[in-house]
Amino acid sequence: MNLRRLSFDSMPPFEVPFRFFITAPVFAIIVSCLFLFAEPLELSSRWTNLILATTHGLTLGFMLMVMIGALFQILPVILGVSMPKAKQLSKFVHFFLVIGIVSLMFGLYLTSYLLLIISTMTLAISIAAFLLGLISCIPAMRNTSSSWAIRLAVVSLFITVIFGISFSVGWINPEWFTNYRFFTNIHLLWGFIGWTFLLVMGVSFRIIPMFYVTPDYPKFVSHLLPIIIFTELIMVSFVTIDSVFSFTLLILLTITTSIYPAYTLYLISQRKRKAKDVTILFWKTAMIGFLISAGLFLVIIFYDGSYLKRLEMILAGTLLFGYAIALITGMLLKIVPFLVWLNLQQSWIKHPSRKMPLNNMQQVIPFNIAKRQYILFITMYLFLIISLAGFQSLWMIKTTALMMLANFSYLFYNLIKAYQLYQKLAVQLS
């Protein structure tokens, strides 16, 4: 592992990012339970109450929760800046974020306008506080390979949230925001490509070479590509939907974004450290998942047959599970052991006469356990894609939901065990 150019002086306490990490699988477990009691008809369209509720449960409750927690940790270590009053801010953001996501999920699922109003207010408070903290850090960020991608991801999150609040208003009363469904694809683009994709890019520019001892990303990918993608998103947002120019821009955006996963797969193949590491399988799965999603998107643009809705559902499942959740699960299995080891090492430095209780990161989440997690994930993912492809018997839906429940419950269990190990060893060093 290559720790050069990293700063650990202003690293936040372990509990700051971990409260977000441990909450994420809980929301995924709730989503799994909702699927467990679903009927086949509820999976027939992206506009059903179940799909809207579960999609936001995963994108906000799982993905956003982990990414916010990661930024609290990554900013000081990679970019040399700390969130102001990180301990207090993280508690505030986490509290209102949890209330907001729960209210949004069940507001959409039950069509409760009261819950939607509560979710709009609490999510706005939580994300605004987080963004204000981030914005205050931007001027002091080091100009590294990660900084520009992360800056652009922050702007994209703001745009995504503005769209989200507008949609809540339109859902509560369509007269307040007419044709709000018309803009959902733009909302999805800013959320998945602008926020998630650019943030993952920015983080990976440092952690891929660091954790897996690969060559660095070339400047075209690390410095220029995020700016190109962000510019294309702006252009797509201001052209007429279904126009020739819009289709051309979307094709260009698809090709441009595919450069990053393709090059990441190449870098991973060049890694110098060939030791067994299951998290590399999650990265490979995610990069391949994104490339498959890009191919599916190009097919959907030119396809106008009776299977179009199914293709859209498969694309959504591939992009959400095959790319985003695969990647975030792999990052959790890598970052949490690293943080346990790193925080224990920082404590040990203060008491060098004592024996360092943890010599290896893999002692936190051993290889065999991580391998079981990957097998559970792949099994869940395959069942999900089969279900979305049209095999929506009640048996298949229940089986898929049970596999989801098993996967996310096992992830939750492994994170709990990692935290218990950290507490136990931290006491020995205190």
Protein backbone atom coordinates (compact mmCIF):
# COMPACT_ATOMS: atom_id res chain seq x y z
CA MET A 1 0.00 0.00 0.00
CA ASN A 2 1.35 3.38 -1.05
CA LEU A 3 0.64 6.12 1.53
CA ARG A 4 2.73 8.86 -0.05
CA ARG A 5 1.21 12.34 -0.39
CA LEU A 6 -1.40 11.63 2.30
CA SER A 7 -1.98 13.71 5.43
CA PHE A 8 -3.15 12.22 8.70
CA ASP A 9 -2.66 15.23 10.98
CA SER A 10 -6.25 16.51 10.87
CA MET A 11 -7.98 13.17 10.47
CA PRO A 12 -11.44 13.09 12.15
CA PRO A 13 -12.31 10.52 14.84
CA PHE A 14 -13.28 7.08 13.54
CA GLU A 15 -16.90 7.59 14.62
CA VAL A 16 -17.37 10.55 12.24
CA PRO A 17 -17.39 8.60 8.94
CA PHE A 18 -18.47 5.33 10.53
CA ARG A 19 -21.89 6.59 11.68
CA PHE A 20 -22.71 7.11 8.00
CA PHE A 21 -21.18 3.81 6.91
CA ILE A 22 -23.11 1.73 9.45
CA THR A 23 -26.43 3.45 8.65
CA ALA A 24 -26.21 2.76 4.90
CA PRO A 25 -26.89 -1.02 4.97
CA VAL A 26 -29.82 -0.43 7.34
CA PHE A 27 -31.62 1.52 4.61
CA ALA A 28 -30.77 -1.19 2.10
CA ILE A 29 -32.26 -3.76 4.48
CA ILE A 30 -35.47 -1.69 4.66
CA VAL A 31 -35.56 -1.60 0.85
CA SER A 32 -35.12 -5.39 0.78
CA CYS A 33 -38.08 -5.83 3.14
CA LEU A 34 -40.26 -3.63 0.91
CA PHE A 35 -39.35 -5.81 -2.07
CA LEU A 36 -40.13 -8.91 0.00
CA PHE A 37 -43.80 -7.91 0.17
CA ALA A 38 -44.00 -6.56 -3.40
CA GLU A 39 -46.35 -7.77 -6.13
CA PRO A 40 -45.18 -8.33 -9.74
CA LEU A 41 -47.17 -5.32 -10.98
CA GLU A 42 -45.18 -3.01 -8.69
CA LEU A 43 -42.01 -3.77 -10.70
CA SER A 44 -43.58 -3.02 -14.07
CA SER A 45 -42.64 0.67 -14.25
CA ARG A 46 -40.18 3.19 -12.83
CA TRP A 47 -43.15 5.31 -11.69
CA THR A 48 -44.75 2.88 -9.22
CA ASN A 49 -44.72 3.90 -5.56
CA LEU A 50 -42.52 0.92 -4.70
CA ILE A 51 -39.86 1.70 -7.32
CA LEU A 52 -39.78 5.40 -6.41
CA ALA A 53 -39.49 4.62 -2.69
CA THR A 54 -36.85 1.89 -3.02
CA THR A 55 -34.79 3.78 -5.61
CA HIS A 56 -34.51 6.78 -3.29
CA GLY A 57 -33.89 4.46 -0.35
CA LEU A 58 -30.83 3.08 -2.16
CA THR A 59 -29.57 6.27 -3.84
CA LEU A 60 -29.95 8.42 -0.72
CA GLY A 61 -30.00 5.91 2.14
CA PHE A 62 -27.16 3.73 0.88
CA MET A 63 -25.16 5.63 -1.73
CA LEU A 64 -25.38 9.23 -0.49
CA MET A 65 -24.96 8.12 3.13
CA VAL A 66 -21.66 6.35 2.36
CA MET A 67 -20.36 9.12 0.10
CA ILE A 68 -21.01 11.83 2.70
CA GLY A 69 -19.26 9.75 5.34
CA ALA A 70 -16.36 9.12 2.98
CA LEU A 71 -15.94 12.83 2.26
CA PHE A 72 -15.63 13.63 5.97
CA GLN A 73 -12.64 11.26 5.97
CA ILE A 74 -11.20 11.85 2.50
CA LEU A 75 -11.00 15.66 2.60
CA PRO A 76 -8.34 15.87 5.33
CA VAL A 77 -6.41 12.77 4.24
CA ILE A 78 -6.31 13.34 0.47
CA LEU A 79 -6.93 17.06 0.01
CA GLY A 80 -5.45 18.42 3.26
CA VAL A 81 -8.61 20.25 4.43
CA SER A 82 -11.04 19.44 7.23
CA MET A 83 -14.74 20.04 7.48
CA PRO A 84 -15.39 22.77 10.11
CA LYS A 85 -16.27 21.20 13.47
CA ALA A 86 -16.47 17.81 11.77
CA LYS A 87 -17.66 15.91 14.85
CA GLN A 88 -20.62 18.20 15.54
CA LEU A 89 -21.42 18.75 11.86
CA SER A 90 -21.44 15.02 11.11
CA LYS A 91 -23.96 14.38 13.91
CA PHE A 92 -26.20 17.21 12.68
CA VAL A 93 -26.05 16.13 9.03
CA HIS A 94 -26.57 12.46 9.89
CA PHE A 95 -29.57 13.11 12.17
CA PHE A 96 -31.53 15.18 9.65
CA LEU A 97 -30.43 12.99 6.74
CA VAL A 98 -31.87 9.87 8.41
CA ILE A 99 -35.17 11.62 9.18
CA GLY A 100 -35.35 13.01 5.65
CA ILE A 101 -34.67 9.70 3.89
CA VAL A 102 -37.12 7.72 6.04
CA SER A 103 -39.79 10.39 5.45
CA LEU A 104 -39.12 10.46 1.72
CA MET A 105 -39.20 6.67 1.30
CA PHE A 106 -42.47 6.18 3.13
CA GLY A 107 -43.93 9.41 1.80
CA LEU A 108 -43.47 8.06 -1.73
CA TYR A 109 -44.50 4.51 -0.82
CA LEU A 110 -47.68 5.54 1.03
CA THR A 111 -48.34 8.73 -0.99
CA SER A 112 -48.24 10.72 2.24
CA TYR A 113 -47.97 14.44 1.54
CA LEU A 114 -47.17 15.17 5.19
CA LEU A 115 -44.14 12.84 5.08
CA LEU A 116 -43.04 14.38 1.77
CA ILE A 117 -43.16 17.87 3.28
CA ILE A 118 -41.12 16.67 6.28
CA SER A 119 -38.60 14.96 3.98
CA THR A 120 -38.21 18.06 1.81
CA MET A 121 -37.47 20.23 4.84
CA THR A 122 -35.13 17.84 6.66
CA LEU A 123 -33.18 16.78 3.56
CA ALA A 124 -32.75 20.42 2.57
CA ILE A 125 -31.45 21.26 6.07
CA SER A 126 -29.09 18.27 6.15
CA ILE A 127 -27.60 18.61 2.68
CA ALA A 128 -27.41 22.41 2.92
CA ALA A 129 -25.37 22.11 6.13
CA PHE A 130 -23.10 19.53 4.50
CA LEU A 131 -22.65 21.61 1.34
CA LEU A 132 -21.87 24.76 3.34
CA GLY A 133 -19.18 22.83 5.18
CA LEU A 134 -17.79 21.55 1.88
CA ILE A 135 -17.88 24.97 0.23
CA SER A 136 -15.88 26.45 3.09
CA CYS A 137 -13.18 23.83 2.39
CA ILE A 138 -12.92 24.34 -1.38
CA PRO A 139 -10.56 27.38 -1.40
CA ALA A 140 -8.02 25.55 0.78
CA MET A 141 -8.09 22.26 -1.16
CA ARG A 142 -4.79 21.08 -2.56
CA ASN A 143 -4.65 21.06 -6.36
CA THR A 144 -4.30 17.32 -6.71
CA SER A 145 -5.56 14.86 -9.30
CA SER A 146 -8.70 14.44 -7.17
CA SER A 147 -9.56 18.03 -6.31
CA TRP A 148 -11.27 19.17 -9.52
CA ALA A 149 -13.41 16.08 -9.86
CA ILE A 150 -14.53 16.41 -6.23
CA ARG A 151 -15.29 20.14 -6.65
CA LEU A 152 -17.43 19.42 -9.71
CA ALA A 153 -19.15 16.55 -7.87
CA VAL A 154 -20.11 18.96 -5.07
CA VAL A 155 -21.68 21.36 -7.60
CA SER A 156 -23.51 18.41 -9.16
CA LEU A 157 -24.90 17.37 -5.79
CA PHE A 158 -26.31 20.88 -5.33
CA ILE A 159 -27.99 20.74 -8.76
CA THR A 160 -29.36 17.24 -8.03
CA VAL A 161 -30.84 18.40 -4.72
CA ILE A 162 -32.50 21.43 -6.36
CA PHE A 163 -34.18 19.10 -8.86
CA GLY A 164 -35.16 16.73 -6.04
CA ILE A 165 -36.81 19.48 -3.99
CA SER A 166 -38.66 20.65 -7.11
CA PHE A 167 -39.94 17.12 -7.72
CA SER A 168 -41.18 16.88 -4.13
CA VAL A 169 -43.15 20.07 -4.72
CA GLY A 170 -44.54 18.63 -7.96
CA TRP A 171 -45.45 15.35 -6.25
CA ILE A 172 -47.27 17.15 -3.43
CA ASN A 173 -49.17 19.43 -5.84
CA PRO A 174 -48.63 19.05 -9.61
CA GLU A 175 -50.03 22.54 -10.18
CA TRP A 176 -47.03 24.05 -8.40
CA PHE A 177 -44.54 22.42 -10.77
CA THR A 178 -46.08 21.22 -14.02
CA ASN A 179 -44.38 18.54 -16.13
CA TYR A 180 -41.95 17.71 -13.33
CA ARG A 181 -41.61 14.16 -14.69
CA PHE A 182 -40.21 15.71 -17.87
CA PHE A 183 -37.05 16.66 -15.99
CA THR A 184 -36.46 13.37 -14.17
CA ASN A 185 -33.89 12.15 -16.70
CA ILE A 186 -31.87 15.34 -16.16
CA HIS A 187 -32.17 14.78 -12.40
CA LEU A 188 -30.89 11.22 -12.83
CA LEU A 189 -27.99 12.36 -15.01
CA TRP A 190 -26.82 14.94 -12.47
CA GLY A 191 -27.27 12.46 -9.61
CA PHE A 192 -25.57 9.44 -11.17
CA ILE A 193 -23.04 11.05 -13.49
CA GLY A 194 -22.47 14.49 -11.97
CA TRP A 195 -22.46 13.53 -8.28
CA THR A 196 -21.78 9.79 -7.96
CA PHE A 197 -19.62 9.21 -11.03
CA LEU A 198 -17.46 12.35 -10.67
CA LEU A 199 -17.00 11.79 -6.93
CA VAL A 200 -15.98 8.17 -7.49
CA MET A 201 -13.56 9.35 -10.17
CA GLY A 202 -12.01 11.94 -7.85
CA VAL A 203 -11.61 9.50 -4.98
CA SER A 204 -10.29 6.69 -7.18
CA PHE A 205 -7.54 8.87 -8.64
CA ARG A 206 -5.86 8.53 -5.25
CA ILE A 207 -7.13 5.30 -3.70
CA ILE A 208 -6.64 3.00 -6.72
CA PRO A 209 -2.88 3.73 -6.92
CA MET A 210 -2.69 3.78 -3.09
CA PHE A 211 -4.57 0.58 -2.19
CA TYR A 212 -3.76 -1.53 -5.22
CA VAL A 213 -0.29 -0.17 -6.13
CA THR A 214 -1.10 0.67 -9.73
CA PRO A 215 0.40 3.38 -11.96
CA ASP A 216 -1.21 6.82 -11.60
CA TYR A 217 -4.04 7.90 -13.87
CA PRO A 218 -2.80 10.02 -16.80
CA LYS A 219 -3.56 13.75 -16.68
CA PHE A 220 -6.09 13.46 -19.49
CA VAL A 221 -8.23 11.20 -17.31
CA SER A 222 -7.61 12.82 -13.92
CA HIS A 223 -7.57 16.50 -14.88
CA LEU A 224 -9.36 16.96 -18.20
CA LEU A 225 -12.01 14.21 -18.31
CA PRO A 226 -14.04 15.43 -15.27
CA ILE A 227 -14.27 18.92 -16.80
CA ILE A 228 -15.37 17.50 -20.16
CA ILE A 229 -18.07 15.35 -18.52
CA PHE A 230 -19.34 18.26 -16.41
CA THR A 231 -19.50 20.50 -19.49
CA GLU A 232 -21.45 17.85 -21.40
CA LEU A 233 -23.93 17.57 -18.51
CA ILE A 234 -24.54 21.31 -18.65
CA MET A 235 -25.11 21.16 -22.41
CA VAL A 236 -27.51 18.19 -22.11
CA SER A 237 -29.50 20.07 -19.45
CA PHE A 238 -30.20 23.01 -21.75
CA VAL A 239 -31.23 21.29 -24.98
CA THR A 240 -34.70 20.12 -25.98
CA ILE A 241 -35.43 16.53 -25.01
CA ASP A 242 -35.84 14.16 -27.99
CA SER A 243 -34.06 16.55 -30.34
CA VAL A 244 -31.28 15.34 -32.66
CA PHE A 245 -28.79 17.54 -30.80
CA SER A 246 -29.91 16.01 -27.48
CA PHE A 247 -29.37 12.47 -28.77
CA THR A 248 -25.96 13.44 -30.14
CA LEU A 249 -24.92 14.92 -26.78
CA LEU A 250 -26.16 11.86 -24.88
CA ILE A 251 -24.18 9.55 -27.16
CA LEU A 252 -21.10 11.73 -26.69
CA LEU A 253 -21.60 11.74 -22.90
CA THR A 254 -21.94 7.95 -22.91
CA ILE A 255 -18.72 7.52 -24.85
CA THR A 256 -16.84 10.06 -22.72
CA THR A 257 -17.89 8.54 -19.40
CA SER A 258 -16.92 5.07 -20.65
CA ILE A 259 -13.27 6.17 -20.88
CA TYR A 260 -12.89 6.19 -17.08
CA PRO A 261 -14.09 2.62 -16.31
CA ALA A 262 -12.20 1.26 -19.31
CA TYR A 263 -8.96 2.89 -18.18
CA THR A 264 -9.55 1.83 -14.56
CA LEU A 265 -9.83 -1.79 -15.69
CA TYR A 266 -6.55 -1.33 -17.56
CA LEU A 267 -4.84 0.14 -14.47
CA ILE A 268 -6.11 -2.69 -12.28
CA SER A 269 -4.61 -5.19 -14.72
CA GLN A 270 -1.25 -3.38 -14.30
CA ARG A 271 -1.23 -3.44 -10.51
CA LYS A 272 2.03 -4.42 -8.88
CA ARG A 273 0.49 -5.88 -5.74
CA LYS A 274 -0.96 -9.24 -6.78
CA ALA A 275 -2.02 -10.37 -3.30
CA LYS A 276 -5.52 -11.80 -2.94
CA ASP A 277 -8.02 -9.00 -2.46
CA VAL A 278 -11.76 -9.45 -2.93
CA THR A 279 -12.39 -5.71 -3.10
CA ILE A 280 -10.66 -5.65 -6.49
CA LEU A 281 -13.45 -7.93 -7.75
CA PHE A 282 -16.01 -5.33 -6.67
CA TRP A 283 -14.10 -2.65 -8.58
CA LYS A 284 -13.91 -4.83 -11.69
CA THR A 285 -17.62 -5.69 -11.42
CA ALA A 286 -18.52 -2.01 -11.05
CA MET A 287 -16.43 -0.88 -14.01
CA ILE A 288 -17.80 -3.67 -16.23
CA GLY A 289 -21.30 -2.86 -14.92
CA PHE A 290 -20.94 0.75 -16.00
CA LEU A 291 -19.69 -0.24 -19.46
CA ILE A 292 -22.66 -2.62 -19.86
CA SER A 293 -24.98 0.20 -18.74
CA ALA A 294 -23.43 2.49 -21.35
CA GLY A 295 -24.05 -0.12 -24.04
CA LEU A 296 -27.65 -0.63 -22.91
CA PHE A 297 -28.22 3.12 -22.96
CA LEU A 298 -27.04 3.35 -26.55
CA VAL A 299 -29.39 0.49 -27.49
CA ILE A 300 -32.32 2.23 -25.75
CA ILE A 301 -31.67 5.49 -27.64
CA PHE A 302 -32.17 3.75 -31.00
CA TYR A 303 -34.68 1.05 -29.94
CA ASP A 304 -38.43 1.61 -30.23
CA GLY A 305 -39.86 -1.87 -29.72
CA SER A 306 -42.25 -3.43 -27.25
CA TYR A 307 -39.41 -4.43 -24.89
CA LEU A 308 -38.33 -0.81 -24.29
CA LYS A 309 -39.69 -0.57 -20.71
CA ARG A 310 -37.93 -3.79 -19.77
CA LEU A 311 -34.66 -2.52 -21.21
CA GLU A 312 -35.03 0.67 -19.18
CA MET A 313 -35.60 -1.36 -16.01
CA ILE A 314 -32.57 -3.57 -16.76
CA LEU A 315 -30.48 -0.44 -17.38
CA ALA A 316 -31.61 1.01 -14.04
CA GLY A 317 -30.78 -2.24 -12.22
CA THR A 318 -27.39 -2.55 -13.90
CA LEU A 319 -26.43 1.05 -13.22
CA LEU A 320 -27.69 1.04 -9.63
CA PHE A 321 -26.58 -2.43 -8.50
CA GLY A 322 -24.00 -3.53 -11.07
CA TYR A 323 -22.13 -0.24 -10.88
CA ALA A 324 -22.94 1.99 -7.89
CA ILE A 325 -23.77 -0.50 -5.14
CA ALA A 326 -21.03 -2.92 -6.25
CA LEU A 327 -18.51 -0.10 -6.08
CA ILE A 328 -19.67 1.29 -2.74
CA THR A 329 -19.77 -2.18 -1.16
CA GLY A 330 -16.20 -2.80 -2.30
CA MET A 331 -15.13 0.60 -0.98
CA LEU A 332 -16.71 -0.10 2.42
CA LEU A 333 -14.91 -3.44 2.67
CA LYS A 334 -11.63 -1.65 1.92
CA ILE A 335 -12.01 1.73 3.63
CA VAL A 336 -13.43 0.49 6.96
CA PRO A 337 -10.53 -1.94 7.63
CA PHE A 338 -8.10 0.78 6.53
CA LEU A 339 -9.64 3.29 8.96
CA VAL A 340 -9.60 0.76 11.80
CA TRP A 341 -5.92 0.03 11.15
CA LEU A 342 -5.03 3.69 10.61
CA ASN A 343 -6.77 4.97 13.75
CA LEU A 344 -5.21 2.22 15.85
CA GLN A 345 -1.81 3.07 14.39
CA GLN A 346 -2.27 6.75 15.29
CA SER A 347 -3.12 5.71 18.85
CA TRP A 348 -0.14 3.35 18.97
CA ILE A 349 2.23 6.18 17.94
CA LYS A 350 1.27 7.94 21.18
CA HIS A 351 2.16 4.78 23.15
CA PRO A 352 5.05 3.22 21.19
CA SER A 353 6.12 1.04 24.10
CA ARG A 354 2.97 -1.04 23.71
CA LYS A 355 2.53 -3.71 21.06
CA MET A 356 0.59 -2.68 17.95
CA PRO A 357 -2.53 -4.89 18.26
CA LEU A 358 -3.29 -5.02 14.53
CA ASN A 359 -0.58 -5.79 11.99
CA ASN A 360 -2.69 -6.28 8.89
CA MET A 361 -5.85 -4.66 7.48
CA GLN A 362 -7.22 -8.05 6.46
CA GLN A 363 -7.49 -8.99 10.13
CA VAL A 364 -10.48 -6.61 10.33
CA ILE A 365 -12.55 -8.21 7.54
CA PRO A 366 -10.72 -11.42 6.54
CA PHE A 367 -10.46 -12.61 2.95
CA ASN A 368 -12.96 -15.47 3.34
CA ILE A 369 -15.60 -13.17 4.82
CA ALA A 370 -15.14 -10.60 2.04
CA LYS A 371 -15.36 -13.44 -0.51
CA ARG A 372 -18.70 -14.56 0.95
CA GLN A 373 -19.90 -10.97 0.69
CA TYR A 374 -18.99 -10.89 -2.99
CA ILE A 375 -20.73 -14.21 -3.69
CA LEU A 376 -23.87 -12.95 -1.94
CA PHE A 377 -23.74 -9.71 -3.94
CA ILE A 378 -23.32 -11.42 -7.33
CA THR A 379 -26.12 -13.90 -6.56
CA MET A 380 -28.43 -11.05 -5.53
CA TYR A 381 -27.51 -9.05 -8.64
CA LEU A 382 -28.19 -11.95 -11.03
CA PHE A 383 -31.59 -12.66 -9.47
CA LEU A 384 -32.46 -8.95 -9.70
CA ILE A 385 -31.58 -8.67 -13.40
CA ILE A 386 -33.56 -11.83 -14.20
CA SER A 387 -36.56 -10.36 -12.38
CA LEU A 388 -36.27 -7.03 -14.18
CA ALA A 389 -35.93 -8.81 -17.53
CA GLY A 390 -39.51 -10.06 -17.19
CA PHE A 391 -39.37 -13.24 -15.09
CA GLN A 392 -41.53 -11.65 -12.43
CA SER A 393 -43.23 -14.59 -10.84
CA LEU A 394 -44.02 -14.18 -7.17
CA TRP A 395 -41.39 -16.83 -6.39
CA MET A 396 -38.69 -14.91 -8.28
CA ILE A 397 -39.52 -11.61 -6.58
CA LYS A 398 -39.45 -13.18 -3.13
CA THR A 399 -36.17 -14.96 -3.85
CA THR A 400 -34.57 -11.75 -5.14
CA ALA A 401 -35.76 -9.85 -2.06
CA LEU A 402 -34.38 -12.56 0.24
CA MET A 403 -31.01 -12.42 -1.53
CA MET A 404 -30.98 -8.64 -1.12
CA LEU A 405 -31.81 -9.02 2.54
CA ALA A 406 -29.04 -11.60 3.01
CA ASN A 407 -26.45 -9.47 1.18
CA PHE A 408 -27.10 -6.22 3.02
CA SER A 409 -27.60 -7.93 6.40
CA TYR A 410 -24.24 -9.64 6.02
CA LEU A 411 -22.62 -6.33 5.12
CA PHE A 412 -24.19 -4.72 8.19
CA TYR A 413 -22.95 -7.60 10.36
CA ASN A 414 -19.39 -7.30 9.01
CA LEU A 415 -19.29 -3.54 9.65
CA ILE A 416 -20.56 -4.07 13.20
CA LYS A 417 -17.87 -6.70 13.82
CA ALA A 418 -15.21 -4.32 12.46
CA TYR A 419 -16.35 -1.58 14.84
CA GLN A 420 -16.41 -3.97 17.80
CA LEU A 421 -12.85 -5.04 16.97
CA TYR A 422 -11.78 -1.40 16.78
CA GLN A 423 -13.32 -0.60 20.18
CA LYS A 424 -11.71 -3.64 21.77
CA LEU A 425 -8.23 -2.89 20.45
CA ALA A 426 -8.53 0.86 21.10
CA VAL A 427 -9.14 0.11 24.78
CA GLN A 428 -5.94 -1.94 24.88
CA LEU A 429 -3.97 1.06 23.57
CA SER A 430 -5.61 3.65 25.81
